[in-house]
PDB file of N, CA and C in Angstrom:
ATOM      1  N   MET A   1     203.190  63.483 -18.184  1.00  0.00           N
ATOM      2  CA  MET A   1     203.020  63.497 -19.619  1.00  0.00           C
ATOM      3  C   MET A   1     202.689  62.080 -20.074  1.00  0.00           C
ATOM      4  N   ALA A   2     201.710  61.934 -20.917  1.00  0.00           N
ATOM      5  CA  ALA A   2     201.318  60.616 -21.422  1.00  0.00           C
ATOM      6  C   ALA A   2     202.455  60.016 -22.242  1.00  0.00           C
ATOM      7  N   PRO A   3     202.563  58.667 -22.271  1.00  0.00           N
ATOM      8  CA  PRO A   3     203.662  58.032 -23.007  1.00  0.00           C
ATOM      9  C   PRO A   3     203.781  58.478 -24.460  1.00  0.00           C
ATOM     10  N   ARG A   4     202.663  58.644 -25.157  1.00  0.00           N
ATOM     11  CA  ARG A   4     202.763  59.023 -26.564  1.00  0.00           C
ATOM     12  C   ARG A   4     203.284  60.440 -26.733  1.00  0.00           C
ATOM     13  N   LEU A   5     203.198  61.232 -25.677  1.00  0.00           N
ATOM     14  CA  LEU A   5     203.699  62.600 -25.747  1.00  0.00           C
ATOM     15  C   LEU A   5     205.119  62.720 -25.214  1.00  0.00           C
ATOM     16  N   ALA A   6     205.623  61.672 -24.571  1.00  0.00           N
ATOM     17  CA  ALA A   6     206.944  61.742 -23.958  1.00  0.00           C
ATOM     18  C   ALA A   6     208.019  62.108 -24.978  1.00  0.00           C
ATOM     19  N   LEU A   7     207.935  61.560 -26.165  1.00  0.00           N
ATOM     20  CA  LEU A   7     208.919  61.863 -27.202  1.00  0.00           C
ATOM     21  C   LEU A   7     208.753  63.260 -27.772  1.00  0.00           C
ATOM     22  N   LEU A   8     207.574  63.823 -27.610  1.00  0.00           N
ATOM     23  CA  LEU A   8     207.317  65.152 -28.156  1.00  0.00           C
ATOM     24  C   LEU A   8     207.843  66.264 -27.270  1.00  0.00           C
ATOM     25  N   GLY A   9     208.084  65.981 -25.993  1.00  0.00           N
ATOM     26  CA  GLY A   9     208.542  67.019 -25.070  1.00  0.00           C
ATOM     27  C   GLY A   9     209.669  67.855 -25.631  1.00  0.00           C
ATOM     28  N   PRO A  10     210.831  67.251 -25.963  1.00  0.00           N
ATOM     29  CA  PRO A  10     211.922  68.047 -26.523  1.00  0.00           C
ATOM     30  C   PRO A  10     211.588  68.659 -27.880  1.00  0.00           C
ATOM     31  N   ALA A  11     210.724  67.998 -28.623  1.00  0.00           N
ATOM     32  CA  ALA A  11     210.390  68.489 -29.957  1.00  0.00           C
ATOM     33  C   ALA A  11     209.516  69.733 -29.904  1.00  0.00           C
ATOM     34  N   LEU A  12     208.795  69.950 -28.796  1.00  0.00           N
ATOM     35  CA  LEU A  12     207.930  71.128 -28.712  1.00  0.00           C
ATOM     36  C   LEU A  12     208.736  72.418 -28.831  1.00  0.00           C
ATOM     37  N   THR A  13     209.944  72.412 -28.310  1.00  0.00           N
ATOM     38  CA  THR A  13     210.789  73.591 -28.434  1.00  0.00           C
ATOM     39  C   THR A  13     211.092  73.869 -29.901  1.00  0.00           C
ATOM     40  N   LEU A  14     211.401  72.815 -30.649  1.00  0.00           N
ATOM     41  CA  LEU A  14     211.678  72.980 -32.074  1.00  0.00           C
ATOM     42  C   LEU A  14     210.431  73.377 -32.841  1.00  0.00           C
ATOM     43  N   LEU A  15     209.293  72.822 -32.448  1.00  0.00           N
ATOM     44  CA  LEU A  15     208.049  73.157 -33.139  1.00  0.00           C
ATOM     45  C   LEU A  15     207.726  74.637 -32.995  1.00  0.00           C
ATOM     46  N   GLY A  16     208.082  75.217 -31.867  1.00  0.00           N
ATOM     47  CA  GLY A  16     207.822  76.638 -31.661  1.00  0.00           C
ATOM     48  C   GLY A  16     208.458  77.484 -32.736  1.00  0.00           C
ATOM     49  N   ALA A  17     209.608  77.066 -33.226  1.00  0.00           N
ATOM     50  CA  ALA A  17     210.286  77.819 -34.280  1.00  0.00           C
ATOM     51  C   ALA A  17     209.636  77.593 -35.634  1.00  0.00           C
ATOM     52  N   LEU A  18     208.978  76.457 -35.803  1.00  0.00           N
ATOM     53  CA  LEU A  18     208.384  76.135 -37.099  1.00  0.00           C
ATOM     54  C   LEU A  18     207.002  76.738 -37.280  1.00  0.00           C
ATOM     55  N   TYR A  19     206.260  76.869 -36.189  1.00  0.00           N
ATOM     56  CA  TYR A  19     204.892  77.362 -36.282  1.00  0.00           C
ATOM     57  C   TYR A  19     204.838  78.839 -35.915  1.00  0.00           C
ATOM     58  N   ALA A  20     203.832  79.500 -36.410  1.00  0.00           N
ATOM     59  CA  ALA A  20     203.670  80.928 -36.124  1.00  0.00           C
ATOM     60  C   ALA A  20     203.578  81.157 -34.622  1.00  0.00           C
ATOM     61  N   ALA A  21     204.147  82.268 -34.181  1.00  0.00           N
ATOM     62  CA  ALA A  21     204.150  82.586 -32.758  1.00  0.00           C
ATOM     63  C   ALA A  21     202.737  82.699 -32.203  1.00  0.00           C
ATOM     64  N   ASP A  22     201.772  83.064 -33.031  1.00  0.00           N
ATOM     65  CA  ASP A  22     200.403  83.196 -32.548  1.00  0.00           C
ATOM     66  C   ASP A  22     199.665  81.861 -32.507  1.00  0.00           C
ATOM     67  N   SER A  23     200.286  80.799 -32.973  1.00  0.00           N
ATOM     68  CA  SER A  23     199.647  79.485 -32.959  1.00  0.00           C
ATOM     69  C   SER A  23     199.732  78.895 -31.561  1.00  0.00           C
ATOM     70  N   PRO A  24     198.589  78.782 -30.877  1.00  0.00           N
ATOM     71  CA  PRO A  24     198.617  78.257 -29.515  1.00  0.00           C
ATOM     72  C   PRO A  24     198.627  76.734 -29.445  1.00  0.00           C
ATOM     73  N   LEU A  25     198.393  76.067 -30.564  1.00  0.00           N
ATOM     74  CA  LEU A  25     198.238  74.614 -30.571  1.00  0.00           C
ATOM     75  C   LEU A  25     199.155  73.957 -31.589  1.00  0.00           C
ATOM     76  N   TYR A  26     199.523  72.716 -31.270  1.00  0.00           N
ATOM     77  CA  TYR A  26     200.430  71.952 -32.120  1.00  0.00           C
ATOM     78  C   TYR A  26     199.780  70.633 -32.507  1.00  0.00           C
ATOM     79  N   PRO A  27     199.896  70.228 -33.774  1.00  0.00           N
ATOM     80  CA  PRO A  27     199.302  68.961 -34.206  1.00  0.00           C
ATOM     81  C   PRO A  27     200.016  67.768 -33.574  1.00  0.00           C
ATOM     82  N   ILE A  28     199.233  66.752 -33.247  1.00  0.00           N
ATOM     83  CA  ILE A  28     199.774  65.475 -32.770  1.00  0.00           C
ATOM     84  C   ILE A  28     199.069  64.353 -33.517  1.00  0.00           C
ATOM     85  N   ARG A  29     199.677  63.200 -33.481  1.00  0.00           N
ATOM     86  CA  ARG A  29     199.080  62.019 -34.110  1.00  0.00           C
ATOM     87  C   ARG A  29     198.980  60.920 -33.065  1.00  0.00           C
ATOM     88  N   SER A  30     197.833  60.283 -33.023  1.00  0.00           N
ATOM     89  CA  SER A  30     197.619  59.143 -32.142  1.00  0.00           C
ATOM     90  C   SER A  30     197.000  58.047 -32.998  1.00  0.00           C
ATOM     91  N   GLY A  31     197.779  57.012 -33.294  1.00  0.00           N
ATOM     92  CA  GLY A  31     197.312  56.001 -34.236  1.00  0.00           C
ATOM     93  C   GLY A  31     197.205  56.616 -35.608  1.00  0.00           C
ATOM     94  N   ARG A  32     196.015  56.586 -36.179  1.00  0.00           N
ATOM     95  CA  ARG A  32     195.811  57.147 -37.509  1.00  0.00           C
ATOM     96  C   ARG A  32     195.078  58.481 -37.484  1.00  0.00           C
ATOM     97  N   GLN A  33     194.823  59.001 -36.302  1.00  0.00           N
ATOM     98  CA  GLN A  33     194.049  60.231 -36.158  1.00  0.00           C
ATOM     99  C   GLN A  33     194.929  61.365 -35.636  1.00  0.00           C
ATOM    100  N   PHE A  34     194.547  62.597 -35.973  1.00  0.00           N
ATOM    101  CA  PHE A  34     195.271  63.786 -35.554  1.00  0.00           C
ATOM    102  C   PHE A  34     194.405  64.654 -34.662  1.00  0.00           C
ATOM    103  N   GLY A  35     195.060  65.338 -33.744  1.00  0.00           N
ATOM    104  CA  GLY A  35     194.428  66.310 -32.866  1.00  0.00           C
ATOM    105  C   GLY A  35     195.432  67.399 -32.566  1.00  0.00           C
ATOM    106  N   PHE A  36     195.242  68.124 -31.453  1.00  0.00           N
ATOM    107  CA  PHE A  36     196.123  69.223 -31.107  1.00  0.00           C
ATOM    108  C   PHE A  36     196.404  69.251 -29.617  1.00  0.00           C
ATOM    109  N   ILE A  37     197.633  69.647 -29.274  1.00  0.00           N
ATOM    110  CA  ILE A  37     198.030  69.869 -27.891  1.00  0.00           C
ATOM    111  C   ILE A  37     198.460  71.321 -27.734  1.00  0.00           C
ATOM    112  N   ASP A  38     198.514  71.764 -26.471  1.00  0.00           N
ATOM    113  CA  ASP A  38     199.014  73.116 -26.219  1.00  0.00           C
ATOM    114  C   ASP A  38     200.514  73.062 -25.933  1.00  0.00           C
ATOM    115  N   ARG A  39     201.086  74.191 -25.576  1.00  0.00           N
ATOM    116  CA  ARG A  39     202.531  74.282 -25.353  1.00  0.00           C
ATOM    117  C   ARG A  39     203.012  73.448 -24.177  1.00  0.00           C
ATOM    118  N   THR A  40     202.102  73.087 -23.264  1.00  0.00           N
ATOM    119  CA  THR A  40     202.493  72.278 -22.112  1.00  0.00           C
ATOM    120  C   THR A  40     202.367  70.783 -22.386  1.00  0.00           C
ATOM    121  N   GLY A  41     201.861  70.425 -23.566  1.00  0.00           N
ATOM    122  CA  GLY A  41     201.703  69.018 -23.918  1.00  0.00           C
ATOM    123  C   GLY A  41     200.347  68.437 -23.563  1.00  0.00           C
ATOM    124  N   GLN A  42     199.422  69.266 -23.099  1.00  0.00           N
ATOM    125  CA  GLN A  42     198.083  68.807 -22.742  1.00  0.00           C
ATOM    126  C   GLN A  42     197.202  68.710 -23.987  1.00  0.00           C
ATOM    127  N   ASP A  43     196.417  67.623 -24.048  1.00  0.00           N
ATOM    128  CA  ASP A  43     195.450  67.496 -25.136  1.00  0.00           C
ATOM    129  C   ASP A  43     194.438  68.630 -25.046  1.00  0.00           C
ATOM    130  N   VAL A  44     194.220  69.317 -26.160  1.00  0.00           N
ATOM    131  CA  VAL A  44     193.222  70.372 -26.226  1.00  0.00           C
ATOM    132  C   VAL A  44     192.095  69.932 -27.157  1.00  0.00           C
ATOM    133  N   ILE A  45     192.479  69.395 -28.299  1.00  0.00           N
ATOM    134  CA  ILE A  45     191.515  68.853 -29.259  1.00  0.00           C
ATOM    135  C   ILE A  45     191.908  67.399 -29.470  1.00  0.00           C
ATOM    136  N   PRO A  46     191.103  66.461 -28.964  1.00  0.00           N
ATOM    137  CA  PRO A  46     191.458  65.047 -29.070  1.00  0.00           C
ATOM    138  C   PRO A  46     191.604  64.605 -30.528  1.00  0.00           C
ATOM    139  N   PRO A  47     192.479  63.633 -30.777  1.00  0.00           N
ATOM    140  CA  PRO A  47     192.655  63.139 -32.147  1.00  0.00           C
ATOM    141  C   PRO A  47     191.355  62.561 -32.703  1.00  0.00           C
ATOM    142  N   ARG A  48     190.884  63.155 -33.796  1.00  0.00           N
ATOM    143  CA  ARG A  48     189.666  62.663 -34.463  1.00  0.00           C
ATOM    144  C   ARG A  48     189.644  63.002 -35.947  1.00  0.00           C
ATOM    145  N   PHE A  49     190.733  63.581 -36.434  1.00  0.00           N
ATOM    146  CA  PHE A  49     190.799  63.999 -37.828  1.00  0.00           C
ATOM    147  C   PHE A  49     191.786  63.130 -38.594  1.00  0.00           C
ATOM    148  N   ASP A  50     191.530  62.966 -39.890  1.00  0.00           N
ATOM    149  CA  ASP A  50     192.407  62.146 -40.734  1.00  0.00           C
ATOM    150  C   ASP A  50     193.668  62.895 -41.153  1.00  0.00           C
ATOM    151  N   ARG A  51     193.588  64.204 -41.177  1.00  0.00           N
ATOM    152  CA  ARG A  51     194.731  65.047 -41.539  1.00  0.00           C
ATOM    153  C   ARG A  51     194.448  66.441 -41.005  1.00  0.00           C
ATOM    154  N   VAL A  52     195.510  67.193 -40.661  1.00  0.00           N
ATOM    155  CA  VAL A  52     195.328  68.562 -40.158  1.00  0.00           C
ATOM    156  C   VAL A  52     196.435  69.464 -40.677  1.00  0.00           C
ATOM    157  N   ASN A  53     196.155  70.743 -40.723  1.00  0.00           N
ATOM    158  CA  ASN A  53     197.166  71.777 -40.932  1.00  0.00           C
ATOM    159  C   ASN A  53     197.288  72.565 -39.636  1.00  0.00           C
ATOM    160  N   GLU A  54     198.354  73.341 -39.497  1.00  0.00           N
ATOM    161  CA  GLU A  54     198.520  74.150 -38.301  1.00  0.00           C
ATOM    162  C   GLU A  54     197.508  75.293 -38.293  1.00  0.00           C
ATOM    163  N   PHE A  55     197.317  75.857 -37.106  1.00  0.00           N
ATOM    164  CA  PHE A  55     196.408  76.991 -36.958  1.00  0.00           C
ATOM    165  C   PHE A  55     197.034  78.255 -37.531  1.00  0.00           C
ATOM    166  N   GLN A  56     196.210  79.023 -38.196  1.00  0.00           N
ATOM    167  CA  GLN A  56     196.581  80.348 -38.687  1.00  0.00           C
ATOM    168  C   GLN A  56     195.390  81.256 -38.476  1.00  0.00           C
ATOM    169  N   GLU A  57     195.620  82.348 -37.771  1.00  0.00           N
ATOM    170  CA  GLU A  57     194.559  83.318 -37.481  1.00  0.00           C
ATOM    171  C   GLU A  57     193.364  82.656 -36.810  1.00  0.00           C
ATOM    172  N   GLY A  58     193.634  81.704 -35.921  1.00  0.00           N
ATOM    173  CA  GLY A  58     192.583  81.079 -35.127  1.00  0.00           C
ATOM    174  C   GLY A  58     191.836  79.937 -35.782  1.00  0.00           C
ATOM    175  N   LEU A  59     192.212  79.550 -36.999  1.00  0.00           N
ATOM    176  CA  LEU A  59     191.537  78.452 -37.693  1.00  0.00           C
ATOM    177  C   LEU A  59     192.562  77.461 -38.234  1.00  0.00           C
ATOM    178  N   ALA A  60     192.142  76.201 -38.335  1.00  0.00           N
ATOM    179  CA  ALA A  60     192.992  75.167 -38.935  1.00  0.00           C
ATOM    180  C   ALA A  60     192.154  74.356 -39.914  1.00  0.00           C
ATOM    181  N   VAL A  61     192.770  73.995 -41.025  1.00  0.00           N
ATOM    182  CA  VAL A  61     192.121  73.102 -41.979  1.00  0.00           C
ATOM    183  C   VAL A  61     192.259  71.681 -41.439  1.00  0.00           C
ATOM    184  N   VAL A  62     191.138  70.938 -41.455  1.00  0.00           N
ATOM    185  CA  VAL A  62     191.141  69.536 -41.027  1.00  0.00           C
ATOM    186  C   VAL A  62     190.434  68.705 -42.081  1.00  0.00           C
ATOM    187  N   TRP A  63     190.814  67.454 -42.162  1.00  0.00           N
ATOM    188  CA  TRP A  63     190.190  66.535 -43.105  1.00  0.00           C
ATOM    189  C   TRP A  63     189.509  65.405 -42.355  1.00  0.00           C
ATOM    190  N   ILE A  64     188.316  65.110 -42.805  1.00  0.00           N
ATOM    191  CA  ILE A  64     187.610  63.909 -42.375  1.00  0.00           C
ATOM    192  C   ILE A  64     187.371  63.146 -43.662  1.00  0.00           C
ATOM    193  N   GLY A  65     188.092  62.034 -43.803  1.00  0.00           N
ATOM    194  CA  GLY A  65     188.109  61.346 -45.091  1.00  0.00           C
ATOM    195  C   GLY A  65     188.799  62.234 -46.098  1.00  0.00           C
ATOM    196  N   SER A  66     188.170  62.436 -47.240  1.00  0.00           N
ATOM    197  CA  SER A  66     188.777  63.294 -48.269  1.00  0.00           C
ATOM    198  C   SER A  66     188.161  64.686 -48.293  1.00  0.00           C
ATOM    199  N   GLN A  67     187.360  65.002 -47.287  1.00  0.00           N
ATOM    200  CA  GLN A  67     186.677  66.294 -47.238  1.00  0.00           C
ATOM    201  C   GLN A  67     187.357  67.212 -46.223  1.00  0.00           C
ATOM    202  N   ALA A  68     187.631  68.450 -46.646  1.00  0.00           N
ATOM    203  CA  ALA A  68     188.304  69.425 -45.792  1.00  0.00           C
ATOM    204  C   ALA A  68     187.319  70.470 -45.278  1.00  0.00           C
ATOM    205  N   GLY A  69     187.551  70.883 -44.034  1.00  0.00           N
ATOM    206  CA  GLY A  69     186.785  71.953 -43.408  1.00  0.00           C
ATOM    207  C   GLY A  69     187.699  72.719 -42.467  1.00  0.00           C
ATOM    208  N   TYR A  70     187.120  73.584 -41.644  1.00  0.00           N
ATOM    209  CA  TYR A  70     187.906  74.400 -40.716  1.00  0.00           C
ATOM    210  C   TYR A  70     187.398  74.215 -39.295  1.00  0.00           C
ATOM    211  N   ILE A  71     188.342  74.200 -38.320  1.00  0.00           N
ATOM    212  CA  ILE A  71     187.989  74.208 -36.910  1.00  0.00           C
ATOM    213  C   ILE A  71     188.585  75.453 -36.260  1.00  0.00           C
ATOM    214  N   ASP A  72     187.987  75.840 -35.109  1.00  0.00           N
ATOM    215  CA  ASP A  72     188.570  76.910 -34.305  1.00  0.00           C
ATOM    216  C   ASP A  72     189.429  76.289 -33.210  1.00  0.00           C
ATOM    217  N   VAL A  73     190.022  77.095 -32.336  1.00  0.00           N
ATOM    218  CA  VAL A  73     190.951  76.588 -31.332  1.00  0.00           C
ATOM    219  C   VAL A  73     190.274  75.758 -30.248  1.00  0.00           C
ATOM    220  N   THR A  74     188.952  75.723 -30.223  1.00  0.00           N
ATOM    221  CA  THR A  74     188.247  74.854 -29.276  1.00  0.00           C
ATOM    222  C   THR A  74     187.874  73.521 -29.907  1.00  0.00           C
ATOM    223  N   GLY A  75     188.145  73.369 -31.200  1.00  0.00           N
ATOM    224  CA  GLY A  75     187.834  72.124 -31.893  1.00  0.00           C
ATOM    225  C   GLY A  75     186.480  72.106 -32.564  1.00  0.00           C
ATOM    226  N   ASN A  76     185.747  73.200 -32.470  1.00  0.00           N
ATOM    227  CA  ASN A  76     184.436  73.270 -33.133  1.00  0.00           C
ATOM    228  C   ASN A  76     184.616  73.467 -34.630  1.00  0.00           C
ATOM    229  N   LEU A  77     183.847  72.720 -35.402  1.00  0.00           N
ATOM    230  CA  LEU A  77     183.863  72.890 -36.851  1.00  0.00           C
ATOM    231  C   LEU A  77     183.140  74.200 -37.179  1.00  0.00           C
ATOM    232  N   VAL A  78     183.872  75.145 -37.753  1.00  0.00           N
ATOM    233  CA  VAL A  78     183.251  76.407 -38.153  1.00  0.00           C
ATOM    234  C   VAL A  78     182.851  76.388 -39.612  1.00  0.00           C
ATOM    235  N   ILE A  79     183.501  75.551 -40.394  1.00  0.00           N
ATOM    236  CA  ILE A  79     183.091  75.257 -41.769  1.00  0.00           C
ATOM    237  C   ILE A  79     183.129  73.741 -41.894  1.00  0.00           C
ATOM    238  N   GLN A  80     181.980  73.155 -42.070  1.00  0.00           N
ATOM    239  CA  GLN A  80     181.861  71.703 -42.142  1.00  0.00           C
ATOM    240  C   GLN A  80     182.723  71.148 -43.282  1.00  0.00           C
ATOM    241  N   PRO A  81     183.300  69.956 -43.088  1.00  0.00           N
ATOM    242  CA  PRO A  81     184.073  69.345 -44.179  1.00  0.00           C
ATOM    243  C   PRO A  81     183.194  69.162 -45.408  1.00  0.00           C
ATOM    244  N   GLN A  82     183.577  69.827 -46.486  1.00  0.00           N
ATOM    245  CA  GLN A  82     182.780  69.769 -47.718  1.00  0.00           C
ATOM    246  C   GLN A  82     183.643  69.913 -48.953  1.00  0.00           C
ATOM    247  N   TYR A  83     184.898  70.259 -48.757  1.00  0.00           N
ATOM    248  CA  TYR A  83     185.787  70.502 -49.889  1.00  0.00           C
ATOM    249  C   TYR A  83     186.643  69.286 -50.139  1.00  0.00           C
ATOM    250  N   SER A  84     186.531  68.685 -51.321  1.00  0.00           N
ATOM    251  CA  SER A  84     187.338  67.516 -51.662  1.00  0.00           C
ATOM    252  C   SER A  84     188.731  67.943 -52.076  1.00  0.00           C
ATOM    253  N   THR A  85     189.703  67.125 -51.675  1.00  0.00           N
ATOM    254  CA  THR A  85     191.093  67.428 -52.042  1.00  0.00           C
ATOM    255  C   THR A  85     191.656  66.342 -52.909  1.00  0.00           C
TER     256      THR A  85
END
């Protein structure tokens, strides 16, 4: 497990209770950017977003700057960031 994820190991169990059971990915932060890991702690979507929400029904809201869009579980933007918050 990478050093930045070492502290998250025990927390993943707690995160499971907080996120929907169908959510396969968990948000992580590396520096000022956010990405997602799976239940084993492996990077799935590298940190590249300024802010993220958890996945629901296969999509997550992500922010690049002040613009929000949606990604799928592979990290592909399915709705380009265009909504200001």
